Amino acid sequence: MTLIKFLLTALAGIVLGFFVTARVLDHGIGFDTARAGPWLGQPKSGTMDIDPYANAIIARTAELPLGSAEGLTFIARTDSDGASLRPECEYTVSGTVPPTRYWTLTLVSPKGFLIDNSAKRFGFTSAEVVRAADGTFTIAVARTARPGNWLPVGEAKHYALMLRLYDTLLDFGTTKVSAGALPKIQRGGCA
């Protein structure tokens, strides 16, 4: 009887372990996930100190992470209020980025692939974004064209925003990044 209890307990533990692991991998969250407002980053993903969940996420997506000396990648799947990004809604991504040599903001599918659109615009770089006199920028994310910096959603059903900071001074080993250090994502109207 104790052998049956042991086997049932072990089986329940294995099933629960696989379920928790699958959920963590689906949501892209590892042990060393850093949060700054809606932005999630894996600062150790390009190092030898990577946690096992982040390593499994990279293996699952076949992405090549930035090395720690190259930069950091942040993903936002929600707006600054915590609501999921919805393709039928308009958003503004505004503010500044921490000191960095170069940055990119890209609209990607939940699996990290570029989303096709008729304008063939997939993102912005720090070299091409139009800024205000104080150095801040505003990027409209919407299905239909907007004046200024516009990032088209295309026919995406779900998407995320990917911010890459190249050659940045940020160091998650010694610094906590506040929500104000990265751009805000504010929802506008919805169709």
N, C-alpha and C. Protein backbone atom coordinates (compact mmCIF):
# COMPACT_ATOMS: atom_id res chain seq x y z
N MET A 1 0.82 -1.20 0.00
CA MET A 1 0.00 0.00 0.00
C MET A 1 0.86 1.27 0.00
N THR A 2 1.96 1.26 0.74
CA THR A 2 2.83 2.43 0.78
C THR A 2 3.53 2.65 -0.56
N LEU A 3 3.79 1.56 -1.29
CA LEU A 3 4.40 1.70 -2.61
C LEU A 3 3.45 2.41 -3.57
N ILE A 4 2.18 2.09 -3.49
CA ILE A 4 1.17 2.74 -4.35
C ILE A 4 1.07 4.22 -3.99
N LYS A 5 1.06 4.55 -2.70
CA LYS A 5 1.02 5.95 -2.28
C LYS A 5 2.25 6.70 -2.77
N PHE A 6 3.40 6.06 -2.65
CA PHE A 6 4.64 6.67 -3.12
C PHE A 6 4.58 6.94 -4.62
N LEU A 7 4.15 5.96 -5.40
CA LEU A 7 4.06 6.12 -6.85
C LEU A 7 3.05 7.20 -7.24
N LEU A 8 1.91 7.24 -6.56
CA LEU A 8 0.91 8.29 -6.85
C LEU A 8 1.44 9.67 -6.49
N THR A 9 2.15 9.78 -5.38
CA THR A 9 2.74 11.06 -4.98
C THR A 9 3.82 11.49 -5.97
N ALA A 10 4.65 10.55 -6.39
CA ALA A 10 5.69 10.87 -7.37
C ALA A 10 5.06 11.28 -8.70
N LEU A 11 4.04 10.58 -9.14
CA LEU A 11 3.36 10.92 -10.39
C LEU A 11 2.72 12.30 -10.30
N ALA A 12 2.08 12.59 -9.17
CA ALA A 12 1.47 13.92 -8.98
C ALA A 12 2.54 15.01 -9.00
N GLY A 13 3.69 14.76 -8.40
CA GLY A 13 4.79 15.73 -8.40
C GLY A 13 5.33 15.96 -9.81
N ILE A 14 5.46 14.89 -10.59
CA ILE A 14 5.95 15.02 -11.96
C ILE A 14 4.97 15.81 -12.81
N VAL A 15 3.68 15.50 -12.71
CA VAL A 15 2.66 16.21 -13.49
C VAL A 15 2.63 17.68 -13.08
N LEU A 16 2.66 17.96 -11.79
CA LEU A 16 2.66 19.35 -11.32
C LEU A 16 3.91 20.08 -11.79
N GLY A 17 5.06 19.43 -11.74
CA GLY A 17 6.31 20.04 -12.21
C GLY A 17 6.27 20.39 -13.68
N PHE A 18 5.76 19.47 -14.50
CA PHE A 18 5.63 19.75 -15.94
C PHE A 18 4.65 20.88 -16.19
N PHE A 19 3.55 20.92 -15.44
CA PHE A 19 2.55 21.97 -15.61
C PHE A 19 3.14 23.34 -15.26
N VAL A 20 3.81 23.44 -14.13
CA VAL A 20 4.41 24.72 -13.71
C VAL A 20 5.48 25.15 -14.72
N THR A 21 6.30 24.22 -15.16
CA THR A 21 7.35 24.55 -16.13
C THR A 21 6.75 25.05 -17.44
N ALA A 22 5.71 24.37 -17.93
CA ALA A 22 5.05 24.81 -19.17
C ALA A 22 4.46 26.20 -19.02
N ARG A 23 3.84 26.50 -17.89
CA ARG A 23 3.26 27.83 -17.66
C ARG A 23 4.35 28.91 -17.62
N VAL A 24 5.44 28.61 -16.95
CA VAL A 24 6.55 29.58 -16.86
C VAL A 24 7.12 29.83 -18.25
N LEU A 25 7.31 28.79 -19.03
CA LEU A 25 7.86 28.95 -20.38
C LEU A 25 6.90 29.71 -21.28
N ASP A 26 5.60 29.47 -21.14
CA ASP A 26 4.61 30.18 -21.96
C ASP A 26 4.58 31.67 -21.65
N HIS A 27 4.87 32.03 -20.40
CA HIS A 27 4.82 33.44 -20.00
C HIS A 27 6.19 34.10 -20.05
N GLY A 28 7.23 33.36 -20.37
CA GLY A 28 8.56 33.94 -20.54
C GLY A 28 9.17 34.51 -19.28
N ILE A 29 8.89 33.90 -18.15
CA ILE A 29 9.39 34.43 -16.87
C ILE A 29 10.38 33.44 -16.27
N GLY A 30 11.58 33.93 -15.96
CA GLY A 30 12.59 33.11 -15.32
C GLY A 30 12.85 33.61 -13.91
N PHE A 31 13.81 33.00 -13.25
CA PHE A 31 14.14 33.40 -11.87
C PHE A 31 14.70 34.82 -11.82
N ASP A 32 15.47 35.20 -12.79
CA ASP A 32 16.16 36.48 -12.77
C ASP A 32 15.47 37.55 -13.61
N THR A 33 14.15 37.46 -13.73
CA THR A 33 13.42 38.44 -14.52
C THR A 33 13.40 39.77 -13.79
N ALA A 34 13.79 40.82 -14.50
CA ALA A 34 13.76 42.17 -13.95
C ALA A 34 12.54 42.89 -14.52
N ARG A 35 11.81 43.60 -13.68
CA ARG A 35 10.61 44.31 -14.11
C ARG A 35 10.81 45.80 -13.91
N ALA A 36 10.44 46.56 -14.95
CA ALA A 36 10.45 48.02 -14.87
C ALA A 36 9.16 48.49 -15.54
N GLY A 37 8.11 48.68 -14.74
CA GLY A 37 6.80 49.00 -15.31
C GLY A 37 6.31 47.81 -16.11
N PRO A 38 5.88 48.03 -17.37
CA PRO A 38 5.40 46.90 -18.18
C PRO A 38 6.53 46.08 -18.82
N TRP A 39 7.75 46.53 -18.69
CA TRP A 39 8.89 45.90 -19.37
C TRP A 39 9.51 44.81 -18.51
N LEU A 40 9.71 43.63 -19.12
CA LEU A 40 10.37 42.51 -18.46
C LEU A 40 11.69 42.24 -19.16
N GLY A 41 12.74 42.04 -18.39
CA GLY A 41 14.05 41.77 -18.96
C GLY A 41 14.70 40.57 -18.29
N GLN A 42 15.56 39.90 -19.02
CA GLN A 42 16.33 38.76 -18.51
C GLN A 42 17.81 39.17 -18.56
N PRO A 43 18.29 39.91 -17.57
CA PRO A 43 19.65 40.45 -17.66
C PRO A 43 20.76 39.41 -17.73
N LYS A 44 20.50 38.19 -17.30
CA LYS A 44 21.55 37.16 -17.33
C LYS A 44 21.40 36.19 -18.50
N SER A 45 20.50 36.50 -19.44
CA SER A 45 20.23 35.54 -20.52
C SER A 45 21.42 35.35 -21.45
N GLY A 46 22.31 36.29 -21.53
CA GLY A 46 23.47 36.14 -22.40
C GLY A 46 24.74 35.80 -21.64
N THR A 47 24.60 35.28 -20.43
CA THR A 47 25.76 34.99 -19.60
C THR A 47 25.79 33.53 -19.19
N MET A 48 26.84 33.14 -18.53
CA MET A 48 26.95 31.77 -18.01
C MET A 48 26.09 31.58 -16.76
N ASP A 49 25.60 32.68 -16.17
CA ASP A 49 24.78 32.61 -14.95
C ASP A 49 23.29 32.52 -15.24
N ILE A 50 22.91 32.18 -16.45
CA ILE A 50 21.51 32.11 -16.84
C ILE A 50 20.77 31.08 -16.00
N ASP A 51 19.52 31.40 -15.61
CA ASP A 51 18.75 30.44 -14.82
C ASP A 51 18.15 29.37 -15.75
N PRO A 52 17.77 28.21 -15.21
CA PRO A 52 17.31 27.12 -16.06
C PRO A 52 16.05 27.44 -16.85
N TYR A 53 15.12 28.23 -16.29
CA TYR A 53 13.91 28.57 -17.02
C TYR A 53 14.22 29.49 -18.20
N ALA A 54 15.05 30.49 -17.97
CA ALA A 54 15.43 31.39 -19.07
C ALA A 54 16.18 30.61 -20.14
N ASN A 55 17.00 29.67 -19.74
CA ASN A 55 17.72 28.83 -20.70
C ASN A 55 16.74 27.99 -21.52
N ALA A 56 15.71 27.46 -20.89
CA ALA A 56 14.69 26.67 -21.59
C ALA A 56 13.89 27.54 -22.55
N ILE A 57 13.60 28.78 -22.15
CA ILE A 57 12.87 29.70 -23.03
C ILE A 57 13.70 29.98 -24.28
N ILE A 58 14.98 30.22 -24.11
CA ILE A 58 15.86 30.48 -25.25
C ILE A 58 15.95 29.26 -26.16
N ALA A 59 16.06 28.07 -25.56
CA ALA A 59 16.12 26.85 -26.36
C ALA A 59 14.81 26.63 -27.13
N ARG A 60 13.70 26.97 -26.49
CA ARG A 60 12.39 26.78 -27.12
C ARG A 60 12.18 27.74 -28.28
N THR A 61 12.64 28.97 -28.15
CA THR A 61 12.42 29.98 -29.20
C THR A 61 13.56 30.04 -30.21
N ALA A 62 14.68 29.41 -29.90
CA ALA A 62 15.87 29.42 -30.76
C ALA A 62 16.40 30.84 -30.98
N GLU A 63 16.18 31.72 -30.01
CA GLU A 63 16.71 33.08 -30.13
C GLU A 63 18.16 33.11 -29.70
N LEU A 64 18.85 34.08 -30.19
CA LEU A 64 20.24 34.29 -29.80
C LEU A 64 20.25 35.53 -28.91
N PRO A 65 20.40 35.36 -27.59
CA PRO A 65 20.33 36.51 -26.69
C PRO A 65 21.55 37.41 -26.81
N LEU A 66 21.36 38.67 -26.43
CA LEU A 66 22.49 39.59 -26.37
C LEU A 66 23.39 39.19 -25.22
N GLY A 67 24.69 39.26 -25.43
CA GLY A 67 25.62 39.02 -24.34
C GLY A 67 25.58 40.19 -23.38
N SER A 68 26.03 39.97 -22.16
CA SER A 68 25.95 41.02 -21.14
C SER A 68 26.73 42.27 -21.55
N ALA A 69 27.79 42.13 -22.31
CA ALA A 69 28.56 43.29 -22.76
C ALA A 69 27.91 43.96 -23.97
N GLU A 70 26.98 43.28 -24.63
CA GLU A 70 26.33 43.83 -25.83
C GLU A 70 25.12 44.69 -25.50
N GLY A 71 24.32 44.27 -24.54
CA GLY A 71 23.14 45.04 -24.20
C GLY A 71 22.09 44.21 -23.49
N LEU A 72 20.89 44.79 -23.38
CA LEU A 72 19.78 44.17 -22.68
C LEU A 72 18.53 44.21 -23.55
N THR A 73 17.69 43.20 -23.41
CA THR A 73 16.42 43.14 -24.12
C THR A 73 15.29 43.16 -23.12
N PHE A 74 14.28 43.98 -23.40
CA PHE A 74 13.07 44.05 -22.58
C PHE A 74 11.87 43.74 -23.46
N ILE A 75 10.88 43.06 -22.91
CA ILE A 75 9.64 42.74 -23.61
C ILE A 75 8.48 43.31 -22.81
N ALA A 76 7.52 43.93 -23.50
CA ALA A 76 6.30 44.41 -22.85
C ALA A 76 5.11 43.72 -23.52
N ARG A 77 4.33 43.02 -22.71
CA ARG A 77 3.11 42.38 -23.20
C ARG A 77 1.88 43.08 -22.65
N THR A 78 2.11 44.08 -21.80
CA THR A 78 1.02 44.85 -21.21
C THR A 78 1.33 46.34 -21.34
N ASP A 79 0.32 47.16 -21.10
CA ASP A 79 0.56 48.60 -21.05
C ASP A 79 1.00 48.97 -19.64
N SER A 80 1.23 50.24 -19.40
CA SER A 80 1.74 50.68 -18.09
C SER A 80 0.72 50.50 -16.97
N ASP A 81 -0.55 50.29 -17.32
CA ASP A 81 -1.57 50.02 -16.31
C ASP A 81 -1.75 48.53 -16.04
N GLY A 82 -1.02 47.69 -16.76
CA GLY A 82 -1.08 46.25 -16.54
C GLY A 82 -2.06 45.50 -17.43
N ALA A 83 -2.76 46.20 -18.32
CA ALA A 83 -3.70 45.53 -19.23
C ALA A 83 -2.96 44.99 -20.44
N SER A 84 -3.37 43.83 -20.92
CA SER A 84 -2.73 43.21 -22.08
C SER A 84 -2.81 44.12 -23.30
N LEU A 85 -1.76 44.10 -24.12
CA LEU A 85 -1.76 44.86 -25.37
C LEU A 85 -2.76 44.21 -26.32
N ARG A 86 -3.67 45.02 -26.86
CA ARG A 86 -4.71 44.52 -27.75
C ARG A 86 -4.57 45.19 -29.11
N PRO A 87 -4.61 44.43 -30.21
CA PRO A 87 -4.39 45.00 -31.54
C PRO A 87 -5.48 45.97 -31.99
N GLU A 88 -6.66 45.88 -31.42
CA GLU A 88 -7.74 46.80 -31.81
C GLU A 88 -7.64 48.14 -31.08
N CYS A 89 -6.69 48.28 -30.19
CA CYS A 89 -6.51 49.53 -29.44
C CYS A 89 -5.29 50.28 -29.96
N GLU A 90 -5.28 51.58 -29.71
CA GLU A 90 -4.15 52.44 -30.05
C GLU A 90 -3.33 52.66 -28.78
N TYR A 91 -2.01 52.72 -28.93
CA TYR A 91 -1.12 52.95 -27.80
C TYR A 91 -0.10 54.02 -28.16
N THR A 92 0.38 54.70 -27.14
CA THR A 92 1.53 55.59 -27.32
C THR A 92 2.64 55.08 -26.41
N VAL A 93 3.79 54.94 -26.99
CA VAL A 93 5.00 54.56 -26.26
C VAL A 93 5.81 55.84 -26.17
N SER A 94 6.01 56.35 -24.96
CA SER A 94 6.64 57.66 -24.84
C SER A 94 7.59 57.73 -23.66
N GLY A 95 8.52 58.65 -23.77
CA GLY A 95 9.48 58.88 -22.71
C GLY A 95 10.90 58.89 -23.23
N THR A 96 11.79 58.30 -22.45
CA THR A 96 13.20 58.20 -22.81
C THR A 96 13.67 56.78 -22.49
N VAL A 97 14.90 56.51 -22.85
CA VAL A 97 15.53 55.24 -22.47
C VAL A 97 16.76 55.58 -21.64
N PRO A 98 17.24 54.64 -20.84
CA PRO A 98 18.47 54.90 -20.06
C PRO A 98 19.65 55.15 -21.00
N PRO A 99 20.73 55.70 -20.47
CA PRO A 99 21.90 55.96 -21.32
C PRO A 99 22.34 54.69 -22.05
N THR A 100 22.41 54.79 -23.36
CA THR A 100 22.77 53.67 -24.20
C THR A 100 23.33 54.21 -25.51
N ARG A 101 24.18 53.45 -26.15
CA ARG A 101 24.75 53.89 -27.42
C ARG A 101 23.70 53.85 -28.53
N TYR A 102 22.82 52.85 -28.50
CA TYR A 102 21.87 52.65 -29.58
C TYR A 102 20.71 51.82 -29.02
N TRP A 103 19.49 52.05 -29.49
CA TRP A 103 18.36 51.24 -29.06
C TRP A 103 17.40 51.00 -30.23
N THR A 104 16.61 49.94 -30.09
CA THR A 104 15.57 49.64 -31.07
C THR A 104 14.28 49.30 -30.33
N LEU A 105 13.16 49.65 -30.93
CA LEU A 105 11.84 49.28 -30.43
C LEU A 105 11.13 48.59 -31.57
N THR A 106 10.74 47.34 -31.37
CA THR A 106 10.18 46.51 -32.44
C THR A 106 8.87 45.90 -31.98
N LEU A 107 7.93 45.77 -32.90
CA LEU A 107 6.67 45.08 -32.64
C LEU A 107 6.85 43.63 -33.09
N VAL A 108 6.61 42.69 -32.18
CA VAL A 108 6.85 41.27 -32.48
C VAL A 108 5.65 40.43 -32.07
N SER A 109 5.58 39.23 -32.65
CA SER A 109 4.56 38.26 -32.26
C SER A 109 4.90 37.72 -30.87
N PRO A 110 3.96 37.02 -30.21
CA PRO A 110 4.28 36.45 -28.90
C PRO A 110 5.49 35.52 -28.92
N LYS A 111 5.82 34.95 -30.08
CA LYS A 111 6.98 34.06 -30.18
C LYS A 111 8.24 34.82 -30.58
N GLY A 112 8.14 36.14 -30.75
CA GLY A 112 9.33 36.96 -31.03
C GLY A 112 9.61 37.23 -32.49
N PHE A 113 8.68 36.90 -33.39
CA PHE A 113 8.89 37.12 -34.82
C PHE A 113 8.30 38.47 -35.23
N LEU A 114 8.88 39.08 -36.27
CA LEU A 114 8.34 40.33 -36.79
C LEU A 114 6.94 40.11 -37.34
N ILE A 115 6.10 41.13 -37.22
CA ILE A 115 4.72 41.05 -37.71
C ILE A 115 4.63 41.85 -39.00
N ASP A 116 4.18 41.20 -40.06
CA ASP A 116 4.09 41.84 -41.37
C ASP A 116 2.99 42.91 -41.36
N ASN A 117 3.23 43.98 -42.10
CA ASN A 117 2.23 45.03 -42.26
C ASN A 117 2.45 45.69 -43.62
N SER A 118 1.44 46.39 -44.10
CA SER A 118 1.51 46.96 -45.45
C SER A 118 2.55 48.08 -45.56
N ALA A 119 2.85 48.76 -44.48
CA ALA A 119 3.84 49.85 -44.51
C ALA A 119 5.28 49.32 -44.47
N LYS A 120 5.45 48.04 -44.17
CA LYS A 120 6.77 47.42 -44.05
C LYS A 120 7.66 48.13 -43.02
N ARG A 121 7.01 48.65 -41.97
CA ARG A 121 7.74 49.24 -40.85
C ARG A 121 7.57 48.30 -39.67
N PHE A 122 8.70 47.81 -39.17
CA PHE A 122 8.68 46.81 -38.12
C PHE A 122 9.18 47.34 -36.78
N GLY A 123 9.75 48.53 -36.79
CA GLY A 123 10.25 49.10 -35.55
C GLY A 123 10.93 50.44 -35.78
N PHE A 124 11.45 50.98 -34.71
CA PHE A 124 12.19 52.24 -34.75
C PHE A 124 13.55 52.02 -34.11
N THR A 125 14.50 52.84 -34.52
CA THR A 125 15.82 52.84 -33.89
C THR A 125 16.06 54.23 -33.30
N SER A 126 17.03 54.31 -32.43
CA SER A 126 17.36 55.60 -31.83
C SER A 126 17.89 56.57 -32.88
N ALA A 127 18.39 56.07 -33.99
CA ALA A 127 18.93 56.93 -35.04
C ALA A 127 17.84 57.56 -35.90
N GLU A 128 16.64 56.96 -35.95
CA GLU A 128 15.62 57.47 -36.86
C GLU A 128 14.37 58.02 -36.19
N VAL A 129 14.18 57.77 -34.90
CA VAL A 129 12.96 58.25 -34.24
C VAL A 129 12.99 59.77 -34.13
N VAL A 130 11.85 60.39 -34.35
CA VAL A 130 11.73 61.84 -34.22
C VAL A 130 11.51 62.15 -32.74
N ARG A 131 12.33 63.07 -32.21
CA ARG A 131 12.26 63.42 -30.79
C ARG A 131 11.79 64.85 -30.60
N ALA A 132 11.30 65.12 -29.40
CA ALA A 132 10.96 66.48 -29.00
C ALA A 132 12.25 67.21 -28.61
N ALA A 133 12.16 68.49 -28.39
CA ALA A 133 13.33 69.30 -28.04
C ALA A 133 14.00 68.82 -26.75
N ASP A 134 13.22 68.25 -25.81
CA ASP A 134 13.79 67.78 -24.55
C ASP A 134 14.37 66.37 -24.63
N GLY A 135 14.36 65.76 -25.81
CA GLY A 135 14.94 64.44 -26.00
C GLY A 135 13.97 63.29 -25.86
N THR A 136 12.73 63.57 -25.43
CA THR A 136 11.74 62.51 -25.32
C THR A 136 11.18 62.17 -26.69
N PHE A 137 10.57 61.01 -26.79
CA PHE A 137 9.95 60.60 -28.04
C PHE A 137 8.56 60.04 -27.75
N THR A 138 7.73 60.03 -28.77
CA THR A 138 6.41 59.42 -28.71
C THR A 138 6.22 58.60 -29.97
N ILE A 139 5.87 57.33 -29.80
CA ILE A 139 5.62 56.44 -30.92
C ILE A 139 4.19 55.94 -30.81
N ALA A 140 3.39 56.14 -31.87
CA ALA A 140 2.03 55.63 -31.91
C ALA A 140 2.06 54.19 -32.41
N VAL A 141 1.36 53.31 -31.71
CA VAL A 141 1.23 51.91 -32.12
C VAL A 141 -0.25 51.70 -32.42
N ALA A 142 -0.58 51.49 -33.70
CA ALA A 142 -1.98 51.39 -34.11
C ALA A 142 -2.09 50.68 -35.45
N ARG A 143 -3.30 50.24 -35.78
CA ARG A 143 -3.54 49.60 -37.09
C ARG A 143 -3.49 50.62 -38.22
N THR A 144 -4.05 51.80 -37.99
CA THR A 144 -4.11 52.81 -39.05
C THR A 144 -3.03 53.86 -38.87
N ALA A 145 -2.66 54.49 -39.97
CA ALA A 145 -1.55 55.45 -39.99
C ALA A 145 -1.79 56.63 -39.05
N ARG A 146 -0.70 57.07 -38.44
CA ARG A 146 -0.70 58.23 -37.55
C ARG A 146 0.44 59.14 -37.99
N PRO A 147 0.31 60.45 -37.76
CA PRO A 147 1.42 61.34 -38.09
C PRO A 147 2.58 61.13 -37.12
N GLY A 148 3.77 61.43 -37.57
CA GLY A 148 4.95 61.29 -36.72
C GLY A 148 5.44 59.86 -36.67
N ASN A 149 5.91 59.45 -35.52
CA ASN A 149 6.43 58.10 -35.33
C ASN A 149 5.26 57.13 -35.19
N TRP A 150 5.04 56.30 -36.21
CA TRP A 150 3.93 55.35 -36.20
C TRP A 150 4.45 53.94 -36.42
N LEU A 151 4.07 53.03 -35.55
CA LEU A 151 4.43 51.63 -35.66
C LEU A 151 3.15 50.84 -35.94
N PRO A 152 2.98 50.33 -37.18
CA PRO A 152 1.74 49.63 -37.54
C PRO A 152 1.64 48.24 -36.93
N VAL A 153 0.43 47.90 -36.49
CA VAL A 153 0.16 46.60 -35.89
C VAL A 153 -0.09 45.54 -36.96
N GLY A 154 -0.50 45.96 -38.15
CA GLY A 154 -0.81 44.99 -39.21
C GLY A 154 -2.05 44.20 -38.84
N GLU A 155 -2.06 42.93 -39.19
CA GLU A 155 -3.21 42.07 -38.91
C GLU A 155 -2.96 41.16 -37.70
N ALA A 156 -2.07 41.57 -36.84
CA ALA A 156 -1.72 40.74 -35.67
C ALA A 156 -2.92 40.52 -34.77
N LYS A 157 -3.02 39.32 -34.24
CA LYS A 157 -4.05 39.00 -33.24
C LYS A 157 -3.52 39.28 -31.83
N HIS A 158 -2.22 39.07 -31.65
CA HIS A 158 -1.54 39.33 -30.39
C HIS A 158 -0.15 39.83 -30.73
N TYR A 159 0.39 40.69 -29.89
CA TYR A 159 1.75 41.17 -30.12
C TYR A 159 2.39 41.62 -28.82
N ALA A 160 3.68 41.88 -28.91
CA ALA A 160 4.44 42.42 -27.79
C ALA A 160 5.38 43.47 -28.35
N LEU A 161 5.90 44.31 -27.48
CA LEU A 161 6.89 45.30 -27.87
C LEU A 161 8.24 44.87 -27.31
N MET A 162 9.27 44.91 -28.15
CA MET A 162 10.61 44.51 -27.74
C MET A 162 11.53 45.73 -27.80
N LEU A 163 12.12 46.06 -26.67
CA LEU A 163 13.06 47.18 -26.57
C LEU A 163 14.45 46.60 -26.30
N ARG A 164 15.37 46.92 -27.20
CA ARG A 164 16.75 46.46 -27.03
C ARG A 164 17.64 47.66 -26.80
N LEU A 165 18.43 47.60 -25.73
CA LEU A 165 19.39 48.64 -25.40
C LEU A 165 20.78 48.09 -25.65
N TYR A 166 21.48 48.66 -26.63
CA TYR A 166 22.81 48.17 -26.99
C TYR A 166 23.89 49.02 -26.32
N ASP A 167 24.88 48.35 -25.77
CA ASP A 167 26.00 49.02 -25.13
C ASP A 167 25.51 50.03 -24.10
N THR A 168 24.69 49.52 -23.17
CA THR A 168 24.09 50.38 -22.16
C THR A 168 24.91 50.38 -20.87
N LEU A 169 24.71 51.41 -20.09
CA LEU A 169 25.37 51.51 -18.79
C LEU A 169 24.59 50.80 -17.69
N LEU A 170 23.37 50.32 -18.01
CA LEU A 170 22.56 49.62 -17.01
C LEU A 170 23.26 48.33 -16.60
N ASP A 171 23.23 48.06 -15.30
CA ASP A 171 23.79 46.83 -14.77
C ASP A 171 22.83 46.33 -13.71
N PHE A 172 22.12 45.25 -14.00
CA PHE A 172 21.14 44.74 -13.06
C PHE A 172 21.77 44.11 -11.84
N GLY A 173 23.06 43.85 -11.89
CA GLY A 173 23.72 43.32 -10.72
C GLY A 173 23.82 44.36 -9.61
N THR A 174 23.88 45.63 -9.98
CA THR A 174 24.06 46.68 -8.97
C THR A 174 22.95 47.72 -8.99
N THR A 175 22.08 47.70 -9.99
CA THR A 175 21.10 48.76 -10.15
C THR A 175 19.70 48.18 -10.31
N LYS A 176 18.73 48.77 -9.64
CA LYS A 176 17.32 48.45 -9.87
C LYS A 176 16.80 49.48 -10.85
N VAL A 177 16.10 49.03 -11.86
CA VAL A 177 15.56 49.94 -12.86
C VAL A 177 14.14 50.30 -12.47
N SER A 178 13.86 51.59 -12.36
CA SER A 178 12.51 52.03 -12.01
C SER A 178 11.65 52.05 -13.26
N ALA A 179 10.33 52.04 -13.06
CA ALA A 179 9.40 52.07 -14.19
C ALA A 179 9.61 53.33 -15.02
N GLY A 180 10.03 54.44 -14.39
CA GLY A 180 10.23 55.70 -15.11
C GLY A 180 11.46 55.72 -16.00
N ALA A 181 12.35 54.74 -15.84
CA ALA A 181 13.57 54.71 -16.65
C ALA A 181 13.32 54.24 -18.08
N LEU A 182 12.25 53.48 -18.27
CA LEU A 182 11.91 52.97 -19.60
C LEU A 182 10.62 53.65 -20.08
N PRO A 183 10.36 53.62 -21.38
CA PRO A 183 9.17 54.32 -21.90
C PRO A 183 7.86 53.81 -21.31
N LYS A 184 6.90 54.72 -21.20
CA LYS A 184 5.55 54.36 -20.76
C LYS A 184 4.76 53.87 -21.96
N ILE A 185 3.82 52.99 -21.71
CA ILE A 185 2.92 52.50 -22.75
C ILE A 185 1.51 52.83 -22.30
N GLN A 186 0.89 53.81 -22.95
CA GLN A 186 -0.45 54.27 -22.57
C GLN A 186 -1.45 53.88 -23.64
N ARG A 187 -2.58 53.30 -23.20
CA ARG A 187 -3.64 52.92 -24.14
C ARG A 187 -4.51 54.11 -24.47
N GLY A 188 -4.83 54.25 -25.76
CA GLY A 188 -5.76 55.27 -26.22
C GLY A 188 -7.11 54.63 -26.49
N GLY A 189 -7.75 55.01 -27.60
CA GLY A 189 -9.03 54.45 -27.94
C GLY A 189 -8.94 53.05 -28.54
N CYS A 190 -10.06 52.33 -28.47
CA CYS A 190 -10.13 50.98 -29.04
C CYS A 190 -11.27 50.92 -30.04
N ALA A 191 -11.06 50.15 -31.12
CA ALA A 191 -12.09 50.02 -32.16
C ALA A 191 -13.14 49.02 -31.73
